[in-house]
Amino acid sequence: MKITFKFLIIVAILLIGVNSIYAGGGVRNGTGGATELLIPVGTRGIAMGGADVATSTGIEALFWNPAGAAIMNNSATLLFSHMNYIADIGVEYGAVSANFEGFGVVSLAIKSLAIGDIPVTTVDQPDGTGQTFKPQMMVAGATYSRQLTDRISIGITANYISETLDQVSTSGVAFNAGVMYKDLGDINGLDFGIVMKNIGPQMQYGGPGMLVTASPQGYDRPPNYYDIQTAAFDLPSSFEIGFGYKPVINDMNSLQITGSFQNNNFSGDVYNVGAEYGYNKMFFVRGGYSMSPKSQDPDYIYGLTAGAGISYDLGGIDIKVDYAYRAVKYFSGNHIFSVSLGF
């Protein structure tokens, strides 16, 4: 009863925060900013359709639900991943987690986008000036997570966002908070998770690129520089809730089934389902599907996902190699590779 009461209090706090996330909802794609926050990292979760809100654990859980990062089998873990994203964009990701006994798990992560060179164009030279610039987009996060009991874990992430486009830039902060409950209702293998993502103040672009020259009308003055004030934009916040079930089969075979619902403040609701089959705790095959009802978001571009993984203990070092594929409408599919080392 005490465990259930603690869990309900935490869930109530998160639900109260939904009002600060839900800014009208509906389909407002393209009207928000800092969309690099939405690019998933965590190969296992991507392969399972992004439905890993309630079942992702360890360093893999940092993106899906920071509460899951508290559930780790090693004292420290390193993770590196690469994604071939849409429009030839590369997404590089690295993370480290450390378990401090009696305190909790502290994790650091960084995600950056490799967009490549873009030609500089102007009003007078719309075909290009011969110069190029390289956009830089980065998210660096710090996460604290802890198991309150053998069933309840909580986590919170603070992300620093940085964007630079030639001579303009912006930065901001965003917070994620989540909770997980294992063996919900005393049903062995039934898990529940809830998470709020990307809660933070508005961001606004500025810099020397916003300076323009103009001649004041009606004044005997030479042309001067004027600073154009850009409009501030909101972060792409979301509220997610998920369930997972892992039936008992035998020591050699395992099955994980997951599902989640995602409510976004700038796009339609998203429903995710996924599954993972494991053999001898070494070989894993995964699949999933993500969808958004056409009545809400007809241009939702994601769908089927699949992947596989290998886990091996090499003399006290747990090595995991994972691959995921995500089908994308209008673009080539995403390919994601990751390697993690547990000590």
C-alpha atoms as a PDB file:
ATOM      1  CA  MET A   1       0.000   0.000   0.000  1.00  0.00           C
ATOM      2  CA  LYS A   2       2.849   2.402   0.813  1.00  0.00           C
ATOM      3  CA  ILE A   3       4.495   1.649  -2.539  1.00  0.00           C
ATOM      4  CA  THR A   4       1.242   2.256  -4.405  1.00  0.00           C
ATOM      5  CA  PHE A   5       0.628   5.521  -2.535  1.00  0.00           C
ATOM      6  CA  LYS A   6       4.098   6.848  -3.396  1.00  0.00           C
ATOM      7  CA  PHE A   7       3.551   5.931  -7.017  1.00  0.00           C
ATOM      8  CA  LEU A   8       0.163   7.649  -7.187  1.00  0.00           C
ATOM      9  CA  ILE A   9       1.604  10.850  -5.719  1.00  0.00           C
ATOM     10  CA  ILE A  10       4.355  10.934  -8.344  1.00  0.00           C
ATOM     11  CA  VAL A  11       1.909  10.239 -11.172  1.00  0.00           C
ATOM     12  CA  ALA A  12      -0.428  12.971  -9.899  1.00  0.00           C
ATOM     13  CA  ILE A  13       2.417  15.493  -9.959  1.00  0.00           C
ATOM     14  CA  LEU A  14       3.236  14.573 -13.540  1.00  0.00           C
ATOM     15  CA  LEU A  15      -0.388  14.758 -14.613  1.00  0.00           C
ATOM     16  CA  ILE A  16      -0.717  18.232 -13.108  1.00  0.00           C
ATOM     17  CA  GLY A  17       2.163  19.278 -15.320  1.00  0.00           C
ATOM     18  CA  VAL A  18       0.294  18.196 -18.456  1.00  0.00           C
ATOM     19  CA  ASN A  19      -1.450  21.572 -18.628  1.00  0.00           C
ATOM     20  CA  SER A  20       1.926  23.252 -19.024  1.00  0.00           C
ATOM     21  CA  ILE A  21       2.722  20.896 -21.912  1.00  0.00           C
ATOM     22  CA  TYR A  22      -0.482  20.857 -23.870  1.00  0.00           C
ATOM     23  CA  ALA A  23      -0.560  24.173 -25.724  1.00  0.00           C
ATOM     24  CA  GLY A  24      -3.639  23.611 -27.824  1.00  0.00           C
ATOM     25  CA  GLY A  25      -2.437  20.402 -29.443  1.00  0.00           C
ATOM     26  CA  GLY A  26      -3.712  19.672 -32.894  1.00  0.00           C
ATOM     27  CA  VAL A  27      -1.657  19.734 -36.066  1.00  0.00           C
ATOM     28  CA  ARG A  28       0.737  22.680 -35.947  1.00  0.00           C
ATOM     29  CA  ASN A  29       3.738  21.008 -37.534  1.00  0.00           C
ATOM     30  CA  GLY A  30       6.575  23.386 -38.318  1.00  0.00           C
ATOM     31  CA  THR A  31       5.472  26.109 -35.903  1.00  0.00           C
ATOM     32  CA  GLY A  32       7.710  25.027 -33.019  1.00  0.00           C
ATOM     33  CA  GLY A  33      11.472  24.939 -32.730  1.00  0.00           C
ATOM     34  CA  ALA A  34      14.371  22.909 -31.332  1.00  0.00           C
ATOM     35  CA  THR A  35      13.073  19.861 -33.186  1.00  0.00           C
ATOM     36  CA  GLU A  36      16.392  18.080 -32.657  1.00  0.00           C
ATOM     37  CA  LEU A  37      14.935  17.245 -29.236  1.00  0.00           C
ATOM     38  CA  LEU A  38      12.494  14.936 -31.025  1.00  0.00           C
ATOM     39  CA  ILE A  39      15.127  12.867 -32.836  1.00  0.00           C
ATOM     40  CA  PRO A  40      15.204   9.543 -30.975  1.00  0.00           C
ATOM     41  CA  VAL A  41      18.361   7.939 -29.651  1.00  0.00           C
ATOM     42  CA  GLY A  42      18.426   4.469 -28.176  1.00  0.00           C
ATOM     43  CA  THR A  43      18.621   1.749 -30.808  1.00  0.00           C
ATOM     44  CA  ARG A  44      16.543  -0.836 -28.959  1.00  0.00           C
ATOM     45  CA  GLY A  45      13.670   1.587 -28.412  1.00  0.00           C
ATOM     46  CA  ILE A  46      13.716   2.772 -32.025  1.00  0.00           C
ATOM     47  CA  ALA A  47      13.559  -0.826 -33.261  1.00  0.00           C
ATOM     48  CA  MET A  48      10.528  -1.382 -30.997  1.00  0.00           C
ATOM     49  CA  GLY A  49       8.582   1.464 -32.569  1.00  0.00           C
ATOM     50  CA  GLY A  50       9.412   4.050 -29.899  1.00  0.00           C
ATOM     51  CA  ALA A  51       7.091   2.236 -27.485  1.00  0.00           C
ATOM     52  CA  ASP A  52       9.743   1.756 -24.795  1.00  0.00           C
ATOM     53  CA  VAL A  53       8.406   4.255 -22.248  1.00  0.00           C
ATOM     54  CA  ALA A  54       7.716   1.579 -19.608  1.00  0.00           C
ATOM     55  CA  THR A  55      10.380  -1.046 -20.363  1.00  0.00           C
ATOM     56  CA  SER A  56      13.611   0.712 -21.339  1.00  0.00           C
ATOM     57  CA  THR A  57      16.338   0.401 -18.690  1.00  0.00           C
ATOM     58  CA  GLY A  58      19.906   1.483 -18.136  1.00  0.00           C
ATOM     59  CA  ILE A  59      21.688   3.969 -20.360  1.00  0.00           C
ATOM     60  CA  GLU A  60      19.334   3.093 -23.237  1.00  0.00           C
ATOM     61  CA  ALA A  61      16.463   4.709 -21.296  1.00  0.00           C
ATOM     62  CA  LEU A  62      17.875   8.260 -21.190  1.00  0.00           C
ATOM     63  CA  PHE A  63      15.799   9.384 -24.168  1.00  0.00           C
ATOM     64  CA  TRP A  64      12.681   7.256 -23.635  1.00  0.00           C
ATOM     65  CA  ASN A  65      12.172   7.653 -19.887  1.00  0.00           C
ATOM     66  CA  PRO A  66      14.917   8.937 -17.544  1.00  0.00           C
ATOM     67  CA  ALA A  67      13.444   6.874 -14.697  1.00  0.00           C
ATOM     68  CA  GLY A  68      14.626   3.707 -16.434  1.00  0.00           C
ATOM     69  CA  ALA A  69      18.258   4.820 -16.230  1.00  0.00           C
ATOM     70  CA  ALA A  70      18.179   3.944 -12.522  1.00  0.00           C
ATOM     71  CA  ILE A  71      17.739   0.257 -13.390  1.00  0.00           C
ATOM     72  CA  MET A  72      21.235  -0.793 -14.479  1.00  0.00           C
ATOM     73  CA  ASN A  73      23.229  -3.971 -13.943  1.00  0.00           C
ATOM     74  CA  ASN A  74      26.690  -2.393 -14.075  1.00  0.00           C
ATOM     75  CA  SER A  75      28.544   0.227 -12.068  1.00  0.00           C
ATOM     76  CA  ALA A  76      29.191   2.279 -15.209  1.00  0.00           C
ATOM     77  CA  THR A  77      28.107   2.160 -18.845  1.00  0.00           C
ATOM     78  CA  LEU A  78      29.233   3.865 -22.050  1.00  0.00           C
ATOM     79  CA  LEU A  79      27.082   4.170 -25.179  1.00  0.00           C
ATOM     80  CA  PHE A  80      27.884   5.404 -28.690  1.00  0.00           C
ATOM     81  CA  SER A  81      25.482   5.515 -31.626  1.00  0.00           C
ATOM     82  CA  HIS A  82      25.170   6.812 -35.173  1.00  0.00           C
ATOM     83  CA  MET A  83      21.989   7.404 -37.163  1.00  0.00           C
ATOM     84  CA  ASN A  84      21.540   8.037 -40.868  1.00  0.00           C
ATOM     85  CA  TYR A  85      18.670  10.475 -40.489  1.00  0.00           C
ATOM     86  CA  ILE A  86      16.458  12.024 -43.164  1.00  0.00           C
ATOM     87  CA  ALA A  87      17.887  14.252 -45.953  1.00  0.00           C
ATOM     88  CA  ASP A  88      21.433  12.883 -45.487  1.00  0.00           C
ATOM     89  CA  ILE A  89      21.672  14.268 -41.956  1.00  0.00           C
ATOM     90  CA  GLY A  90      23.833  12.308 -39.536  1.00  0.00           C
ATOM     91  CA  VAL A  91      23.026  12.105 -35.823  1.00  0.00           C
ATOM     92  CA  GLU A  92      25.898  11.311 -33.470  1.00  0.00           C
ATOM     93  CA  TYR A  93      25.181  10.393 -29.854  1.00  0.00           C
ATOM     94  CA  GLY A  94      27.275   9.499 -26.831  1.00  0.00           C
ATOM     95  CA  ALA A  95      26.354   8.872 -23.191  1.00  0.00           C
ATOM     96  CA  VAL A  96      27.842   7.684 -19.929  1.00  0.00           C
ATOM     97  CA  SER A  97      26.071   6.482 -16.763  1.00  0.00           C
ATOM     98  CA  ALA A  98      27.501   5.804 -13.309  1.00  0.00           C
ATOM     99  CA  ASN A  99      25.743   4.151 -10.382  1.00  0.00           C
ATOM    100  CA  PHE A 100      26.626   5.675  -7.004  1.00  0.00           C
ATOM    101  CA  GLU A 101      25.473   3.321  -4.247  1.00  0.00           C
ATOM    102  CA  GLY A 102      23.057   4.987  -1.858  1.00  0.00           C
ATOM    103  CA  PHE A 103      22.705   8.065  -4.056  1.00  0.00           C
ATOM    104  CA  GLY A 104      21.440   7.034  -7.476  1.00  0.00           C
ATOM    105  CA  VAL A 105      22.523   7.018 -11.098  1.00  0.00           C
ATOM    106  CA  VAL A 106      24.078  10.066 -12.766  1.00  0.00           C
ATOM    107  CA  SER A 107      24.229  10.203 -16.553  1.00  0.00           C
ATOM    108  CA  LEU A 108      25.641  12.606 -19.130  1.00  0.00           C
ATOM    109  CA  ALA A 109      24.744  12.594 -22.814  1.00  0.00           C
ATOM    110  CA  ILE A 110      25.358  14.651 -25.942  1.00  0.00           C
ATOM    111  CA  LYS A 111      23.615  14.551 -29.320  1.00  0.00           C
ATOM    112  CA  SER A 112      24.776  16.503 -32.364  1.00  0.00           C
ATOM    113  CA  LEU A 113      23.587  16.803 -35.956  1.00  0.00           C
ATOM    114  CA  ALA A 114      25.929  16.653 -38.936  1.00  0.00           C
ATOM    115  CA  ILE A 115      24.044  18.589 -41.612  1.00  0.00           C
ATOM    116  CA  GLY A 116      26.899  19.440 -43.977  1.00  0.00           C
ATOM    117  CA  ASP A 117      27.693  22.584 -45.942  1.00  0.00           C
ATOM    118  CA  ILE A 118      24.880  24.838 -47.215  1.00  0.00           C
ATOM    119  CA  PRO A 119      25.448  27.489 -49.910  1.00  0.00           C
ATOM    120  CA  VAL A 120      25.041  31.119 -48.829  1.00  0.00           C
ATOM    121  CA  THR A 121      22.392  32.974 -50.861  1.00  0.00           C
ATOM    122  CA  THR A 122      21.288  36.587 -50.726  1.00  0.00           C
ATOM    123  CA  VAL A 123      18.558  38.722 -52.270  1.00  0.00           C
ATOM    124  CA  ASP A 124      21.059  40.031 -54.815  1.00  0.00           C
ATOM    125  CA  GLN A 125      22.651  36.610 -55.385  1.00  0.00           C
ATOM    126  CA  PRO A 126      19.868  34.009 -55.126  1.00  0.00           C
ATOM    127  CA  ASP A 127      22.008  31.391 -56.873  1.00  0.00           C
ATOM    128  CA  GLY A 128      24.702  31.640 -54.227  1.00  0.00           C
ATOM    129  CA  THR A 129      27.665  33.800 -53.310  1.00  0.00           C
ATOM    130  CA  GLY A 130      30.203  30.999 -53.576  1.00  0.00           C
ATOM    131  CA  GLN A 131      30.428  30.778 -49.801  1.00  0.00           C
ATOM    132  CA  THR A 132      28.988  28.060 -47.555  1.00  0.00           C
ATOM    133  CA  PHE A 133      28.045  27.696 -43.899  1.00  0.00           C
ATOM    134  CA  LYS A 134      27.652  24.651 -41.692  1.00  0.00           C
ATOM    135  CA  PRO A 135      24.681  24.614 -39.275  1.00  0.00           C
ATOM    136  CA  GLN A 136      25.431  23.320 -35.797  1.00  0.00           C
ATOM    137  CA  MET A 137      22.735  21.782 -33.612  1.00  0.00           C
ATOM    138  CA  MET A 138      23.503  20.126 -30.311  1.00  0.00           C
ATOM    139  CA  VAL A 139      21.716  18.848 -27.190  1.00  0.00           C
ATOM    140  CA  ALA A 140      23.726  18.118 -24.030  1.00  0.00           C
ATOM    141  CA  GLY A 141      21.940  16.567 -21.070  1.00  0.00           C
ATOM    142  CA  ALA A 142      22.495  15.593 -17.449  1.00  0.00           C
ATOM    143  CA  THR A 143      20.208  13.033 -15.811  1.00  0.00           C
ATOM    144  CA  TYR A 144      19.642  11.976 -12.226  1.00  0.00           C
ATOM    145  CA  SER A 145      17.622   8.826 -11.596  1.00  0.00           C
ATOM    146  CA  ARG A 146      16.965   6.681  -8.552  1.00  0.00           C
ATOM    147  CA  GLN A 147      15.061   3.589  -7.501  1.00  0.00           C
ATOM    148  CA  LEU A 148      12.784   4.585  -4.635  1.00  0.00           C
ATOM    149  CA  THR A 149      11.779   0.973  -4.054  1.00  0.00           C
ATOM    150  CA  ASP A 150      12.296  -2.317  -5.855  1.00  0.00           C
ATOM    151  CA  ARG A 151       9.295  -1.342  -8.006  1.00  0.00           C
ATOM    152  CA  ILE A 152       9.341   2.443  -8.369  1.00  0.00           C
ATOM    153  CA  SER A 153      12.040   4.476 -10.072  1.00  0.00           C
ATOM    154  CA  ILE A 154      12.118   8.159 -10.959  1.00  0.00           C
ATOM    155  CA  GLY A 155      14.322  10.322 -13.156  1.00  0.00           C
ATOM    156  CA  ILE A 156      14.805  13.903 -14.319  1.00  0.00           C
ATOM    157  CA  THR A 157      16.888  15.283 -17.187  1.00  0.00           C
ATOM    158  CA  ALA A 158      18.094  18.818 -17.849  1.00  0.00           C
ATOM    159  CA  ASN A 159      19.015  19.434 -21.500  1.00  0.00           C
ATOM    160  CA  TYR A 160      21.005  22.363 -22.854  1.00  0.00           C
ATOM    161  CA  ILE A 161      20.045  23.199 -26.461  1.00  0.00           C
ATOM    162  CA  SER A 162      22.321  25.069 -28.858  1.00  0.00           C
ATOM    163  CA  GLU A 163      21.626  26.029 -32.493  1.00  0.00           C
ATOM    164  CA  THR A 164      23.848  28.063 -34.820  1.00  0.00           C
ATOM    165  CA  LEU A 165      22.890  28.942 -38.402  1.00  0.00           C
ATOM    166  CA  ASP A 166      25.644  31.009 -40.000  1.00  0.00           C
ATOM    167  CA  GLN A 167      25.517  34.368 -38.155  1.00  0.00           C
ATOM    168  CA  VAL A 168      22.467  33.723 -35.994  1.00  0.00           C
ATOM    169  CA  SER A 169      22.147  31.445 -32.986  1.00  0.00           C
ATOM    170  CA  THR A 170      19.975  30.540 -30.044  1.00  0.00           C
ATOM    171  CA  SER A 171      20.193  28.446 -26.900  1.00  0.00           C
ATOM    172  CA  GLY A 172      17.836  27.219 -24.225  1.00  0.00           C
ATOM    173  CA  VAL A 173      17.060  24.580 -21.632  1.00  0.00           C
ATOM    174  CA  ALA A 174      14.496  21.787 -21.532  1.00  0.00           C
ATOM    175  CA  PHE A 175      13.536  19.320 -18.812  1.00  0.00           C
ATOM    176  CA  ASN A 176      12.267  15.735 -18.874  1.00  0.00           C
ATOM    177  CA  ALA A 177      10.732  13.931 -15.900  1.00  0.00           C
ATOM    178  CA  GLY A 178       9.537  10.353 -15.681  1.00  0.00           C
ATOM    179  CA  VAL A 179       8.522   7.505 -13.412  1.00  0.00           C
ATOM    180  CA  MET A 180       8.366   3.724 -13.825  1.00  0.00           C
ATOM    181  CA  TYR A 181       6.454   1.102 -11.874  1.00  0.00           C
ATOM    182  CA  LYS A 182       7.436  -2.567 -12.142  1.00  0.00           C
ATOM    183  CA  ASP A 183       4.992  -5.466 -11.601  1.00  0.00           C
ATOM    184  CA  LEU A 184       1.953  -3.201 -11.657  1.00  0.00           C
ATOM    185  CA  GLY A 185      -0.956  -4.570  -9.608  1.00  0.00           C
ATOM    186  CA  ASP A 186       1.290  -7.383  -8.344  1.00  0.00           C
ATOM    187  CA  ILE A 187       1.227  -8.881 -11.851  1.00  0.00           C
ATOM    188  CA  ASN A 188       4.693 -10.251 -12.531  1.00  0.00           C
ATOM    189  CA  GLY A 189       6.116  -8.750 -15.733  1.00  0.00           C
ATOM    190  CA  LEU A 190       3.551  -5.947 -16.127  1.00  0.00           C
ATOM    191  CA  ASP A 191       5.269  -2.550 -16.189  1.00  0.00           C
ATOM    192  CA  PHE A 192       3.983   1.018 -16.404  1.00  0.00           C
ATOM    193  CA  GLY A 193       5.769   4.245 -17.319  1.00  0.00           C
ATOM    194  CA  ILE A 194       4.903   7.909 -17.652  1.00  0.00           C
ATOM    195  CA  VAL A 195       7.112  10.780 -18.828  1.00  0.00           C
ATOM    196  CA  MET A 196       6.928  14.485 -19.687  1.00  0.00           C
ATOM    197  CA  LYS A 197       9.486  15.771 -22.191  1.00  0.00           C
ATOM    198  CA  ASN A 198      10.921  19.086 -23.329  1.00  0.00           C
ATOM    199  CA  ILE A 199       9.432  21.421 -20.756  1.00  0.00           C
ATOM    200  CA  GLY A 200      11.123  24.801 -20.744  1.00  0.00           C
ATOM    201  CA  PRO A 201      11.028  28.497 -21.651  1.00  0.00           C
ATOM    202  CA  GLN A 202      10.749  29.844 -25.180  1.00  0.00           C
ATOM    203  CA  MET A 203      13.825  30.283 -27.362  1.00  0.00           C
ATOM    204  CA  GLN A 204      14.678  33.163 -29.691  1.00  0.00           C
ATOM    205  CA  TYR A 205      17.238  33.666 -32.450  1.00  0.00           C
ATOM    206  CA  GLY A 206      19.658  36.579 -32.462  1.00  0.00           C
ATOM    207  CA  GLY A 207      23.137  37.610 -33.539  1.00  0.00           C
ATOM    208  CA  PRO A 208      24.930  39.740 -36.131  1.00  0.00           C
ATOM    209  CA  GLY A 209      23.003  38.048 -38.922  1.00  0.00           C
ATOM    210  CA  MET A 210      19.894  39.912 -37.777  1.00  0.00           C
ATOM    211  CA  LEU A 211      21.493  43.325 -38.360  1.00  0.00           C
ATOM    212  CA  VAL A 212      20.329  45.185 -41.476  1.00  0.00           C
ATOM    213  CA  THR A 213      21.209  48.616 -42.865  1.00  0.00           C
ATOM    214  CA  ALA A 214      18.481  51.173 -43.433  1.00  0.00           C
ATOM    215  CA  SER A 215      18.183  54.916 -43.997  1.00  0.00           C
ATOM    216  CA  PRO A 216      15.879  56.740 -41.560  1.00  0.00           C
ATOM    217  CA  GLN A 217      13.110  58.593 -43.362  1.00  0.00           C
ATOM    218  CA  GLY A 218      12.842  62.333 -42.709  1.00  0.00           C
ATOM    219  CA  TYR A 219      16.214  62.601 -40.968  1.00  0.00           C
ATOM    220  CA  ASP A 220      19.513  63.927 -42.259  1.00  0.00           C
ATOM    221  CA  ARG A 221      21.440  60.854 -41.143  1.00  0.00           C
ATOM    222  CA  PRO A 222      23.523  58.219 -42.968  1.00  0.00           C
ATOM    223  CA  PRO A 223      22.336  54.577 -43.149  1.00  0.00           C
ATOM    224  CA  ASN A 224      22.505  52.760 -39.812  1.00  0.00           C
ATOM    225  CA  TYR A 225      22.363  49.179 -38.590  1.00  0.00           C
ATOM    226  CA  TYR A 226      19.086  47.973 -37.130  1.00  0.00           C
ATOM    227  CA  ASP A 227      18.592  44.789 -35.154  1.00  0.00           C
ATOM    228  CA  ILE A 228      15.637  42.703 -36.338  1.00  0.00           C
ATOM    229  CA  GLN A 229      13.821  41.129 -33.394  1.00  0.00           C
ATOM    230  CA  THR A 230      12.785  37.565 -34.206  1.00  0.00           C
ATOM    231  CA  ALA A 231       9.701  35.922 -32.768  1.00  0.00           C
ATOM    232  CA  ALA A 232      10.223  33.566 -29.846  1.00  0.00           C
ATOM    233  CA  PHE A 233       9.199  29.933 -30.286  1.00  0.00           C
ATOM    234  CA  ASP A 234       7.995  27.177 -27.983  1.00  0.00           C
ATOM    235  CA  LEU A 235       9.667  23.830 -27.387  1.00  0.00           C
ATOM    236  CA  PRO A 236       8.099  20.635 -28.820  1.00  0.00           C
ATOM    237  CA  SER A 237       6.753  19.291 -25.516  1.00  0.00           C
ATOM    238  CA  SER A 238       5.059  15.930 -25.102  1.00  0.00           C
ATOM    239  CA  PHE A 239       3.364  13.717 -22.545  1.00  0.00           C
ATOM    240  CA  GLU A 240       3.802   9.934 -22.884  1.00  0.00           C
ATOM    241  CA  ILE A 241       2.330   6.963 -21.098  1.00  0.00           C
ATOM    242  CA  GLY A 242       3.214   3.330 -21.740  1.00  0.00           C
ATOM    243  CA  PHE A 243       2.768  -0.266 -20.656  1.00  0.00           C
ATOM    244  CA  GLY A 244       4.921  -3.336 -21.088  1.00  0.00           C
ATOM    245  CA  TYR A 245       4.471  -7.030 -20.406  1.00  0.00           C
ATOM    246  CA  LYS A 246       7.115  -9.733 -20.208  1.00  0.00           C
ATOM    247  CA  PRO A 247       5.573 -13.193 -19.866  1.00  0.00           C
ATOM    248  CA  VAL A 248       7.576 -15.989 -18.254  1.00  0.00           C
ATOM    249  CA  ILE A 249       8.644 -18.503 -20.895  1.00  0.00           C
ATOM    250  CA  ASN A 250      11.882 -20.261 -19.857  1.00  0.00           C
ATOM    251  CA  ASP A 251      15.549 -19.541 -19.171  1.00  0.00           C
ATOM    252  CA  MET A 252      16.500 -19.684 -22.851  1.00  0.00           C
ATOM    253  CA  ASN A 253      13.703 -17.615 -24.370  1.00  0.00           C
ATOM    254  CA  SER A 254      12.179 -14.249 -23.500  1.00  0.00           C
ATOM    255  CA  LEU A 255       9.497 -11.999 -24.933  1.00  0.00           C
ATOM    256  CA  GLN A 256       8.842  -8.310 -24.264  1.00  0.00           C
ATOM    257  CA  ILE A 257       5.692  -6.582 -25.509  1.00  0.00           C
ATOM    258  CA  THR A 258       5.323  -2.801 -25.273  1.00  0.00           C
ATOM    259  CA  GLY A 259       2.871  -0.051 -26.162  1.00  0.00           C
ATOM    260  CA  SER A 260       2.703   3.698 -25.605  1.00  0.00           C
ATOM    261  CA  PHE A 261       0.606   6.792 -26.264  1.00  0.00           C
ATOM    262  CA  GLN A 262       2.215  10.175 -26.974  1.00  0.00           C
ATOM    263  CA  ASN A 263       0.412  13.518 -26.792  1.00  0.00           C
ATOM    264  CA  ASN A 264       2.292  16.362 -28.512  1.00  0.00           C
ATOM    265  CA  ASN A 265       1.718  20.099 -28.336  1.00  0.00           C
ATOM    266  CA  PHE A 266       2.671  20.690 -31.994  1.00  0.00           C
ATOM    267  CA  SER A 267       1.414  17.605 -33.815  1.00  0.00           C
ATOM    268  CA  GLY A 268      -1.171  14.855 -33.625  1.00  0.00           C
ATOM    269  CA  ASP A 269      -1.226  12.072 -31.064  1.00  0.00           C
ATOM    270  CA  VAL A 270       1.087   9.126 -31.758  1.00  0.00           C
ATOM    271  CA  TYR A 271       0.491   5.456 -30.902  1.00  0.00           C
ATOM    272  CA  ASN A 272       3.427   3.051 -30.703  1.00  0.00           C
ATOM    273  CA  VAL A 273       3.637  -0.729 -30.328  1.00  0.00           C
ATOM    274  CA  GLY A 274       6.690  -2.967 -30.213  1.00  0.00           C
ATOM    275  CA  ALA A 275       8.039  -6.375 -29.285  1.00  0.00           C
ATOM    276  CA  GLU A 276      11.377  -8.043 -28.607  1.00  0.00           C
ATOM    277  CA  TYR A 277      12.296 -11.731 -28.675  1.00  0.00           C
ATOM    278  CA  GLY A 278      15.482 -12.804 -26.899  1.00  0.00           C
ATOM    279  CA  TYR A 279      17.389 -16.078 -27.029  1.00  0.00           C
ATOM    280  CA  ASN A 280      19.727 -17.080 -24.216  1.00  0.00           C
ATOM    281  CA  LYS A 281      20.006 -13.421 -23.146  1.00  0.00           C
ATOM    282  CA  MET A 282      22.450 -12.972 -26.029  1.00  0.00           C
ATOM    283  CA  PHE A 283      20.548 -12.611 -29.306  1.00  0.00           C
ATOM    284  CA  PHE A 284      17.568 -10.305 -29.793  1.00  0.00           C
ATOM    285  CA  VAL A 285      15.146  -9.597 -32.624  1.00  0.00           C
ATOM    286  CA  ARG A 286      12.847  -6.562 -32.458  1.00  0.00           C
ATOM    287  CA  GLY A 287      10.010  -4.979 -34.347  1.00  0.00           C
ATOM    288  CA  GLY A 288       7.435  -2.230 -33.965  1.00  0.00           C
ATOM    289  CA  TYR A 289       5.025   0.185 -35.551  1.00  0.00           C
ATOM    290  CA  SER A 290       4.309   3.874 -34.998  1.00  0.00           C
ATOM    291  CA  MET A 291       1.189   5.638 -36.235  1.00  0.00           C
ATOM    292  CA  SER A 292      -0.757   8.871 -35.987  1.00  0.00           C
ATOM    293  CA  PRO A 293      -4.443   8.855 -37.016  1.00  0.00           C
ATOM    294  CA  LYS A 294      -4.902  10.489 -40.416  1.00  0.00           C
ATOM    295  CA  SER A 295      -7.658  12.691 -39.077  1.00  0.00           C
ATOM    296  CA  GLN A 296      -5.099  14.359 -36.813  1.00  0.00           C
ATOM    297  CA  ASP A 297      -1.801  14.233 -38.702  1.00  0.00           C
ATOM    298  CA  PRO A 298      -2.028  13.136 -42.357  1.00  0.00           C
ATOM    299  CA  ASP A 299       1.671  13.862 -42.946  1.00  0.00           C
ATOM    300  CA  TYR A 300       3.087  11.604 -40.239  1.00  0.00           C
ATOM    301  CA  ILE A 301       6.089  10.049 -41.975  1.00  0.00           C
ATOM    302  CA  TYR A 302       7.073   7.142 -39.707  1.00  0.00           C
ATOM    303  CA  GLY A 303       5.745   3.590 -39.509  1.00  0.00           C
ATOM    304  CA  LEU A 304       7.401   0.177 -39.425  1.00  0.00           C
ATOM    305  CA  THR A 305      10.561  -0.432 -37.432  1.00  0.00           C
ATOM    306  CA  ALA A 306      12.825  -3.458 -36.988  1.00  0.00           C
ATOM    307  CA  GLY A 307      16.157  -4.367 -35.514  1.00  0.00           C
ATOM    308  CA  ALA A 308      18.441  -6.876 -33.850  1.00  0.00           C
ATOM    309  CA  GLY A 309      21.032  -6.963 -31.109  1.00  0.00           C
ATOM    310  CA  ILE A 310      23.802  -9.017 -29.529  1.00  0.00           C
ATOM    311  CA  SER A 311      24.801  -8.981 -25.856  1.00  0.00           C
ATOM    312  CA  TYR A 312      27.980 -10.693 -24.652  1.00  0.00           C
ATOM    313  CA  ASP A 313      30.007 -10.777 -21.431  1.00  0.00           C
ATOM    314  CA  LEU A 314      33.671 -10.429 -22.351  1.00  0.00           C
ATOM    315  CA  GLY A 315      35.648 -11.016 -19.178  1.00  0.00           C
ATOM    316  CA  GLY A 316      33.562  -8.757 -16.962  1.00  0.00           C
ATOM    317  CA  ILE A 317      32.753  -6.216 -19.684  1.00  0.00           C
ATOM    318  CA  ASP A 318      29.211  -6.379 -21.015  1.00  0.00           C
ATOM    319  CA  ILE A 319      29.262  -5.586 -24.730  1.00  0.00           C
ATOM    320  CA  LYS A 320      26.058  -4.811 -26.621  1.00  0.00           C
ATOM    321  CA  VAL A 321      25.838  -4.160 -30.341  1.00  0.00           C
ATOM    322  CA  ASP A 322      22.453  -3.088 -31.723  1.00  0.00           C
ATOM    323  CA  TYR A 323      20.984  -2.144 -35.091  1.00  0.00           C
ATOM    324  CA  ALA A 324      17.622  -0.583 -35.925  1.00  0.00           C
ATOM    325  CA  TYR A 325      15.804   0.399 -39.099  1.00  0.00           C
ATOM    326  CA  ARG A 326      12.930   2.883 -39.280  1.00  0.00           C
ATOM    327  CA  ALA A 327      10.867   3.289 -42.436  1.00  0.00           C
ATOM    328  CA  VAL A 328      10.284   6.923 -43.472  1.00  0.00           C
ATOM    329  CA  LYS A 329       7.761   8.262 -45.992  1.00  0.00           C
ATOM    330  CA  TYR A 330       9.233  10.477 -48.758  1.00  0.00           C
ATOM    331  CA  PHE A 331      12.816   9.822 -47.585  1.00  0.00           C
ATOM    332  CA  SER A 332      15.210   6.913 -47.334  1.00  0.00           C
ATOM    333  CA  GLY A 333      14.789   4.867 -44.166  1.00  0.00           C
ATOM    334  CA  ASN A 334      16.793   5.569 -41.020  1.00  0.00           C
ATOM    335  CA  HIS A 335      19.644   3.219 -40.093  1.00  0.00           C
ATOM    336  CA  ILE A 336      20.870   3.287 -36.501  1.00  0.00           C
ATOM    337  CA  PHE A 337      23.920   1.520 -35.063  1.00  0.00           C
ATOM    338  CA  SER A 338      25.049   1.537 -31.425  1.00  0.00           C
ATOM    339  CA  VAL A 339      27.654  -0.019 -29.159  1.00  0.00           C
ATOM    340  CA  SER A 340      27.535  -0.016 -25.367  1.00  0.00           C
ATOM    341  CA  LEU A 341      30.097  -1.164 -22.806  1.00  0.00           C
ATOM    342  CA  GLY A 342      29.151  -2.029 -19.234  1.00  0.00           C
ATOM    343  CA  PHE A 343      31.744  -2.202 -16.445  1.00  0.00           C
END
